[in-house]
Amino acid sequence: RSIINDSYRTDMVFVYPPHVIAIASLFLSRVVDQGNRSDIEAQQWFADLNVDITDVLQVVNELLAVYEDWRDYAEAKMPDVVSRCIADIAASV
């Protein structure tokens, strides 16, 4: 459930249908839970779904990018990041 909640902190809820986000969340939780073990039944279940797997993998990649950003986030760096963004915007105008 926490993976789905994390998706609401992004714009993916406006881009992808809810069932794709739910399936991507199931996929991520399955990977985290099982590690490197192979489970043919789970692989077959995901393969039998009537959903575009490329959309599911895009959601998985976006969630992984969010988790990476959250891991690297530091409040102390934010003023510098915002200043650089403002300078880039001002330079492009």
N, C-alpha and C. Protein backbone atom coordinates (compact mmCIF):
# COMPACT_ATOMS: atom_id res chain seq x y z
N ARG A 1 0.82 -1.19 0.00
CA ARG A 1 0.00 0.00 0.00
C ARG A 1 0.86 1.25 0.00
N SER A 2 2.02 1.21 0.63
CA SER A 2 2.86 2.40 0.68
C SER A 2 3.40 2.78 -0.69
N ILE A 3 3.62 1.79 -1.55
CA ILE A 3 4.09 2.10 -2.90
C ILE A 3 3.03 2.87 -3.66
N ILE A 4 1.78 2.46 -3.53
CA ILE A 4 0.69 3.18 -4.18
C ILE A 4 0.57 4.58 -3.61
N ASN A 5 0.69 4.73 -2.29
CA ASN A 5 0.66 6.05 -1.68
C ASN A 5 1.78 6.93 -2.21
N ASP A 6 2.95 6.35 -2.41
CA ASP A 6 4.07 7.12 -2.95
C ASP A 6 3.78 7.62 -4.36
N SER A 7 3.01 6.87 -5.12
CA SER A 7 2.69 7.30 -6.49
C SER A 7 1.85 8.58 -6.48
N TYR A 8 1.11 8.82 -5.42
CA TYR A 8 0.30 10.03 -5.34
C TYR A 8 1.15 11.28 -5.10
N ARG A 9 2.40 11.11 -4.79
CA ARG A 9 3.30 12.26 -4.61
C ARG A 9 3.98 12.64 -5.93
N THR A 10 3.57 12.03 -7.00
CA THR A 10 4.11 12.32 -8.32
C THR A 10 2.97 12.68 -9.26
N ASP A 11 3.31 12.98 -10.50
CA ASP A 11 2.28 13.26 -11.49
C ASP A 11 1.82 12.03 -12.24
N MET A 12 2.35 10.87 -11.89
CA MET A 12 2.00 9.66 -12.64
C MET A 12 0.52 9.31 -12.52
N VAL A 13 -0.14 9.78 -11.47
CA VAL A 13 -1.57 9.49 -11.34
C VAL A 13 -2.38 10.22 -12.40
N PHE A 14 -1.79 11.24 -13.02
CA PHE A 14 -2.45 11.96 -14.10
C PHE A 14 -2.08 11.39 -15.48
N VAL A 15 -1.02 10.59 -15.52
CA VAL A 15 -0.50 10.10 -16.79
C VAL A 15 -0.94 8.66 -17.06
N TYR A 16 -0.96 7.83 -16.03
CA TYR A 16 -1.24 6.40 -16.20
C TYR A 16 -2.56 6.03 -15.53
N PRO A 17 -3.26 5.04 -16.10
CA PRO A 17 -4.50 4.57 -15.47
C PRO A 17 -4.20 3.90 -14.13
N PRO A 18 -5.17 3.94 -13.22
CA PRO A 18 -4.96 3.37 -11.87
C PRO A 18 -4.54 1.90 -11.88
N HIS A 19 -5.08 1.11 -12.82
CA HIS A 19 -4.73 -0.31 -12.82
C HIS A 19 -3.27 -0.53 -13.18
N VAL A 20 -2.70 0.34 -14.00
CA VAL A 20 -1.28 0.21 -14.36
C VAL A 20 -0.40 0.53 -13.14
N ILE A 21 -0.77 1.57 -12.40
CA ILE A 21 -0.03 1.92 -11.19
C ILE A 21 -0.14 0.80 -10.16
N ALA A 22 -1.33 0.23 -10.04
CA ALA A 22 -1.52 -0.88 -9.09
C ALA A 22 -0.68 -2.09 -9.47
N ILE A 23 -0.65 -2.43 -10.74
CA ILE A 23 0.14 -3.58 -11.19
C ILE A 23 1.63 -3.31 -11.00
N ALA A 24 2.08 -2.08 -11.29
CA ALA A 24 3.48 -1.73 -11.08
C ALA A 24 3.83 -1.82 -9.59
N SER A 25 2.91 -1.42 -8.74
CA SER A 25 3.14 -1.51 -7.29
C SER A 25 3.23 -2.97 -6.84
N LEU A 26 2.37 -3.81 -7.39
CA LEU A 26 2.45 -5.24 -7.10
C LEU A 26 3.78 -5.82 -7.56
N PHE A 27 4.19 -5.41 -8.74
CA PHE A 27 5.46 -5.88 -9.29
C PHE A 27 6.62 -5.49 -8.38
N LEU A 28 6.65 -4.22 -7.99
CA LEU A 28 7.73 -3.75 -7.11
C LEU A 28 7.72 -4.46 -5.76
N SER A 29 6.55 -4.62 -5.19
CA SER A 29 6.49 -5.29 -3.88
C SER A 29 6.90 -6.75 -4.00
N ARG A 30 6.56 -7.37 -5.12
CA ARG A 30 6.96 -8.76 -5.35
C ARG A 30 8.47 -8.88 -5.49
N VAL A 31 9.08 -7.97 -6.22
CA VAL A 31 10.53 -7.99 -6.40
C VAL A 31 11.24 -7.75 -5.06
N VAL A 32 10.75 -6.79 -4.29
CA VAL A 32 11.37 -6.50 -3.00
C VAL A 32 11.20 -7.68 -2.05
N ASP A 33 10.04 -8.29 -2.08
CA ASP A 33 9.74 -9.40 -1.17
C ASP A 33 10.53 -10.66 -1.51
N GLN A 34 10.66 -10.95 -2.78
CA GLN A 34 11.28 -12.22 -3.16
C GLN A 34 12.77 -12.10 -3.43
N GLY A 35 13.29 -10.90 -3.63
CA GLY A 35 14.71 -10.76 -3.91
C GLY A 35 15.06 -11.34 -5.26
N ASN A 36 16.06 -12.20 -5.30
CA ASN A 36 16.52 -12.80 -6.56
C ASN A 36 15.93 -14.17 -6.83
N ARG A 37 15.05 -14.66 -5.97
CA ARG A 37 14.44 -15.96 -6.19
C ARG A 37 13.54 -15.92 -7.42
N SER A 38 13.53 -16.98 -8.15
CA SER A 38 12.67 -17.08 -9.32
C SER A 38 11.36 -17.75 -8.92
N ASP A 39 10.27 -17.17 -9.33
CA ASP A 39 8.95 -17.73 -9.04
C ASP A 39 8.18 -17.78 -10.35
N ILE A 40 8.17 -18.95 -10.95
CA ILE A 40 7.55 -19.14 -12.26
C ILE A 40 6.07 -18.78 -12.23
N GLU A 41 5.38 -19.12 -11.17
CA GLU A 41 3.94 -18.83 -11.08
C GLU A 41 3.68 -17.32 -11.11
N ALA A 42 4.47 -16.55 -10.37
CA ALA A 42 4.30 -15.09 -10.37
C ALA A 42 4.65 -14.51 -11.74
N GLN A 43 5.71 -15.02 -12.35
CA GLN A 43 6.08 -14.54 -13.68
C GLN A 43 4.96 -14.81 -14.68
N GLN A 44 4.36 -15.97 -14.59
CA GLN A 44 3.27 -16.32 -15.50
C GLN A 44 2.05 -15.44 -15.24
N TRP A 45 1.77 -15.13 -13.97
CA TRP A 45 0.63 -14.28 -13.63
C TRP A 45 0.80 -12.90 -14.25
N PHE A 46 1.98 -12.32 -14.12
CA PHE A 46 2.22 -11.01 -14.73
C PHE A 46 2.16 -11.09 -16.25
N ALA A 47 2.66 -12.17 -16.83
CA ALA A 47 2.64 -12.33 -18.28
C ALA A 47 1.23 -12.47 -18.82
N ASP A 48 0.32 -13.07 -18.04
CA ASP A 48 -1.05 -13.30 -18.49
C ASP A 48 -1.95 -12.07 -18.38
N LEU A 49 -1.48 -11.03 -17.73
CA LEU A 49 -2.31 -9.83 -17.57
C LEU A 49 -2.56 -9.18 -18.92
N ASN A 50 -3.74 -8.64 -19.07
CA ASN A 50 -4.10 -7.95 -20.30
C ASN A 50 -3.80 -6.46 -20.14
N VAL A 51 -2.50 -6.16 -20.06
CA VAL A 51 -2.07 -4.78 -19.86
C VAL A 51 -0.75 -4.58 -20.62
N ASP A 52 -0.52 -3.36 -21.07
CA ASP A 52 0.71 -3.06 -21.79
C ASP A 52 1.87 -3.05 -20.79
N ILE A 53 2.74 -4.02 -20.90
CA ILE A 53 3.84 -4.17 -19.94
C ILE A 53 4.81 -3.00 -20.01
N THR A 54 4.90 -2.33 -21.16
CA THR A 54 5.80 -1.17 -21.25
C THR A 54 5.32 -0.03 -20.36
N ASP A 55 4.00 0.15 -20.26
CA ASP A 55 3.47 1.17 -19.34
C ASP A 55 3.79 0.80 -17.89
N VAL A 56 3.63 -0.47 -17.56
CA VAL A 56 3.93 -0.93 -16.20
C VAL A 56 5.40 -0.68 -15.87
N LEU A 57 6.27 -1.02 -16.80
CA LEU A 57 7.70 -0.82 -16.56
C LEU A 57 8.07 0.65 -16.49
N GLN A 58 7.38 1.51 -17.23
CA GLN A 58 7.62 2.95 -17.12
C GLN A 58 7.24 3.46 -15.73
N VAL A 59 6.12 2.98 -15.20
CA VAL A 59 5.71 3.38 -13.85
C VAL A 59 6.73 2.87 -12.83
N VAL A 60 7.18 1.63 -12.99
CA VAL A 60 8.20 1.08 -12.09
C VAL A 60 9.45 1.94 -12.13
N ASN A 61 9.91 2.31 -13.32
CA ASN A 61 11.10 3.15 -13.44
C ASN A 61 10.90 4.53 -12.81
N GLU A 62 9.72 5.11 -12.98
CA GLU A 62 9.44 6.40 -12.37
C GLU A 62 9.44 6.30 -10.84
N LEU A 63 8.85 5.25 -10.32
CA LEU A 63 8.86 5.06 -8.87
C LEU A 63 10.28 4.86 -8.34
N LEU A 64 11.07 4.09 -9.05
CA LEU A 64 12.46 3.89 -8.63
C LEU A 64 13.24 5.20 -8.67
N ALA A 65 12.96 6.04 -9.67
CA ALA A 65 13.62 7.36 -9.74
C ALA A 65 13.20 8.24 -8.56
N VAL A 66 11.92 8.17 -8.19
CA VAL A 66 11.45 8.94 -7.03
C VAL A 66 12.16 8.48 -5.76
N TYR A 67 12.26 7.18 -5.59
CA TYR A 67 12.94 6.66 -4.39
C TYR A 67 14.41 7.06 -4.37
N GLU A 68 15.03 7.09 -5.54
CA GLU A 68 16.43 7.53 -5.60
C GLU A 68 16.56 9.00 -5.24
N ASP A 69 15.63 9.83 -5.75
CA ASP A 69 15.64 11.25 -5.41
C ASP A 69 15.43 11.45 -3.91
N TRP A 70 14.52 10.71 -3.34
CA TRP A 70 14.26 10.85 -1.90
C TRP A 70 15.47 10.42 -1.08
N ARG A 71 16.18 9.42 -1.56
CA ARG A 71 17.36 8.95 -0.85
C ARG A 71 18.45 10.02 -0.84
N ASP A 72 18.60 10.73 -1.97
CA ASP A 72 19.65 11.73 -2.11
C ASP A 72 19.24 13.12 -1.63
N TYR A 73 17.98 13.28 -1.21
CA TYR A 73 17.47 14.60 -0.82
C TYR A 73 18.15 15.10 0.45
N ALA A 74 18.53 16.36 0.41
CA ALA A 74 19.09 17.01 1.60
C ALA A 74 18.56 18.44 1.64
N GLU A 75 17.92 18.81 2.72
CA GLU A 75 17.33 20.13 2.86
C GLU A 75 18.36 21.24 2.68
N ALA A 76 19.57 21.00 3.15
CA ALA A 76 20.61 22.03 3.07
C ALA A 76 20.99 22.38 1.63
N LYS A 77 20.82 21.44 0.70
CA LYS A 77 21.16 21.68 -0.71
C LYS A 77 20.09 22.45 -1.46
N MET A 78 18.89 22.55 -0.93
CA MET A 78 17.77 23.12 -1.67
C MET A 78 17.96 24.58 -2.06
N PRO A 79 18.47 25.47 -1.22
CA PRO A 79 18.65 26.86 -1.68
C PRO A 79 19.54 26.96 -2.92
N ASP A 80 20.61 26.17 -2.97
CA ASP A 80 21.49 26.19 -4.14
C ASP A 80 20.78 25.65 -5.38
N VAL A 81 20.02 24.59 -5.22
CA VAL A 81 19.29 24.01 -6.35
C VAL A 81 18.26 25.01 -6.89
N VAL A 82 17.53 25.65 -6.00
CA VAL A 82 16.52 26.63 -6.42
C VAL A 82 17.20 27.81 -7.10
N SER A 83 18.30 28.29 -6.56
CA SER A 83 19.03 29.41 -7.17
C SER A 83 19.49 29.07 -8.58
N ARG A 84 20.02 27.85 -8.77
CA ARG A 84 20.45 27.43 -10.11
C ARG A 84 19.27 27.36 -11.08
N CYS A 85 18.13 26.86 -10.61
CA CYS A 85 16.95 26.77 -11.47
C CYS A 85 16.48 28.15 -11.88
N ILE A 86 16.45 29.07 -10.94
CA ILE A 86 16.03 30.45 -11.24
C ILE A 86 17.01 31.09 -12.23
N ALA A 87 18.30 30.88 -12.03
CA ALA A 87 19.30 31.44 -12.94
C ALA A 87 19.14 30.85 -14.34
N ASP A 88 18.87 29.55 -14.44
CA ASP A 88 18.68 28.91 -15.75
C ASP A 88 17.44 29.47 -16.46
N ILE A 89 16.38 29.68 -15.70
CA ILE A 89 15.14 30.23 -16.29
C ILE A 89 15.38 31.66 -16.74
N ALA A 90 16.06 32.45 -15.92
CA ALA A 90 16.34 33.84 -16.27
C ALA A 90 17.24 33.93 -17.50
N ALA A 91 18.19 33.01 -17.62
CA ALA A 91 19.09 33.02 -18.76
C ALA A 91 18.39 32.64 -20.06
N SER A 92 17.37 31.82 -19.95
CA SER A 92 16.67 31.37 -21.16
C SER A 92 15.61 32.36 -21.63
N VAL A 93 15.29 33.36 -20.82
CA VAL A 93 14.25 34.33 -21.21
C VAL A 93 14.82 35.47 -21.96
